[in-house]
Amino acid sequence: MYSYGLLETGCYYLVQENADSDITLIKVTAETDHCMYVFRYNDELTTVWKRKGDSLHDIIECLSDEAVEAWQKQYNSSEDAYYEEDDE
């Protein structure tokens, strides 16, 4: 078992919180003495505070800068698909 305390601020990770849960992309954006502020990227962005001791079933990988850049292009282009422009 792993914990959120092993993750580094500013990095993107593919993680699995439980053995039967989906793989999730997260980014740790802030850290206090006892907690981590985490962005979760699913269909929509959610944020959550996690205790450093909270368990993770698996830290699959820390994404490289190139992998993050490729993912951001896809994620941002799919967000734009939901907004229609006015033809006024």
Protein backbone atom coordinates (compact mmCIF):
# COMPACT_ATOMS: atom_id res chain seq x y z
CA MET A 1 0.00 0.00 0.00
CA TYR A 2 1.06 3.53 -0.77
CA SER A 3 -0.03 6.88 0.66
CA TYR A 4 -0.57 10.41 -0.63
CA GLY A 5 2.46 11.52 1.38
CA LEU A 6 4.71 9.82 -1.19
CA LEU A 7 3.51 12.13 -3.98
CA GLU A 8 5.36 15.31 -4.97
CA THR A 9 3.73 18.71 -5.39
CA GLY A 10 3.36 19.83 -9.00
CA CYS A 11 3.49 16.32 -10.48
CA TYR A 12 0.81 14.39 -12.36
CA TYR A 13 0.20 10.78 -11.36
CA LEU A 14 -1.89 7.87 -12.54
CA VAL A 15 -3.20 6.24 -9.38
CA GLN A 16 -5.67 3.65 -8.21
CA GLU A 17 -7.22 4.42 -4.82
CA ASN A 18 -8.70 0.97 -4.28
CA ALA A 19 -7.98 -2.42 -5.83
CA ASP A 20 -11.30 -2.35 -7.71
CA SER A 21 -11.41 1.36 -8.63
CA ASP A 22 -10.68 2.96 -12.00
CA ILE A 23 -7.31 4.50 -12.76
CA THR A 24 -7.40 8.25 -12.11
CA LEU A 25 -5.14 11.08 -13.19
CA ILE A 26 -4.32 13.43 -10.31
CA LYS A 27 -2.06 16.40 -9.71
CA VAL A 28 -0.85 17.43 -6.27
CA THR A 29 -1.02 21.23 -6.21
CA ALA A 30 -0.31 22.14 -2.57
CA GLU A 31 1.04 20.54 0.57
CA THR A 32 0.72 21.36 4.26
CA ASP A 33 2.27 19.63 7.24
CA HIS A 34 -0.46 16.99 7.25
CA CYS A 35 -2.42 17.22 3.98
CA MET A 36 -2.20 17.40 0.20
CA TYR A 37 -4.49 19.43 -2.10
CA VAL A 38 -5.25 17.21 -5.10
CA PHE A 39 -6.82 17.91 -8.50
CA ARG A 40 -8.64 14.89 -9.96
CA TYR A 41 -9.18 14.78 -13.70
CA ASN A 42 -12.20 12.72 -14.70
CA ASP A 43 -15.05 13.86 -16.92
CA GLU A 44 -14.72 17.10 -15.01
CA LEU A 45 -12.10 18.52 -12.69
CA THR A 46 -12.64 17.99 -8.97
CA THR A 47 -10.47 19.06 -6.06
CA VAL A 48 -10.02 17.47 -2.67
CA TRP A 49 -7.83 17.64 0.42
CA LYS A 50 -6.26 14.31 1.37
CA ARG A 51 -4.31 13.42 4.49
CA LYS A 52 -0.74 12.43 3.74
CA GLY A 53 -1.44 9.12 5.47
CA ASP A 54 -4.53 8.32 3.35
CA SER A 55 -3.87 5.14 1.44
CA LEU A 56 -3.55 4.55 -2.28
CA HIS A 57 -3.78 1.02 -3.63
CA ASP A 58 -1.25 1.80 -6.37
CA ILE A 59 0.80 4.68 -7.74
CA ILE A 60 1.00 3.46 -11.31
CA GLU A 61 3.31 6.15 -12.65
CA CYS A 62 4.42 9.75 -12.47
CA LEU A 63 3.77 11.24 -15.91
CA SER A 64 6.65 12.72 -17.89
CA ASP A 65 6.43 16.30 -19.14
CA GLU A 66 5.83 14.97 -22.66
CA ALA A 67 2.98 12.72 -21.52
CA VAL A 68 1.37 15.61 -19.61
CA GLU A 69 1.63 17.87 -22.66
CA ALA A 70 0.03 15.24 -24.93
CA TRP A 71 -2.76 14.62 -22.39
CA GLN A 72 -3.42 18.36 -21.93
CA LYS A 73 -3.92 18.82 -25.68
CA GLN A 74 -6.55 16.06 -25.69
CA TYR A 75 -8.23 17.15 -22.44
CA ASN A 76 -8.44 20.81 -23.41
CA SER A 77 -9.73 20.09 -26.93
CA SER A 78 -12.48 17.82 -25.55
CA GLU A 79 -13.54 20.55 -23.08
CA ASP A 80 -13.99 23.00 -25.98
CA ALA A 81 -16.27 20.53 -27.75
CA TYR A 82 -19.01 21.18 -25.18
CA TYR A 83 -19.22 24.91 -25.90
CA GLU A 84 -21.02 26.21 -28.96
CA GLU A 85 -20.30 29.61 -30.42
CA ASP A 86 -23.09 32.11 -30.96
CA ASP A 87 -23.69 33.04 -34.59
CA GLU A 88 -24.98 36.53 -33.83
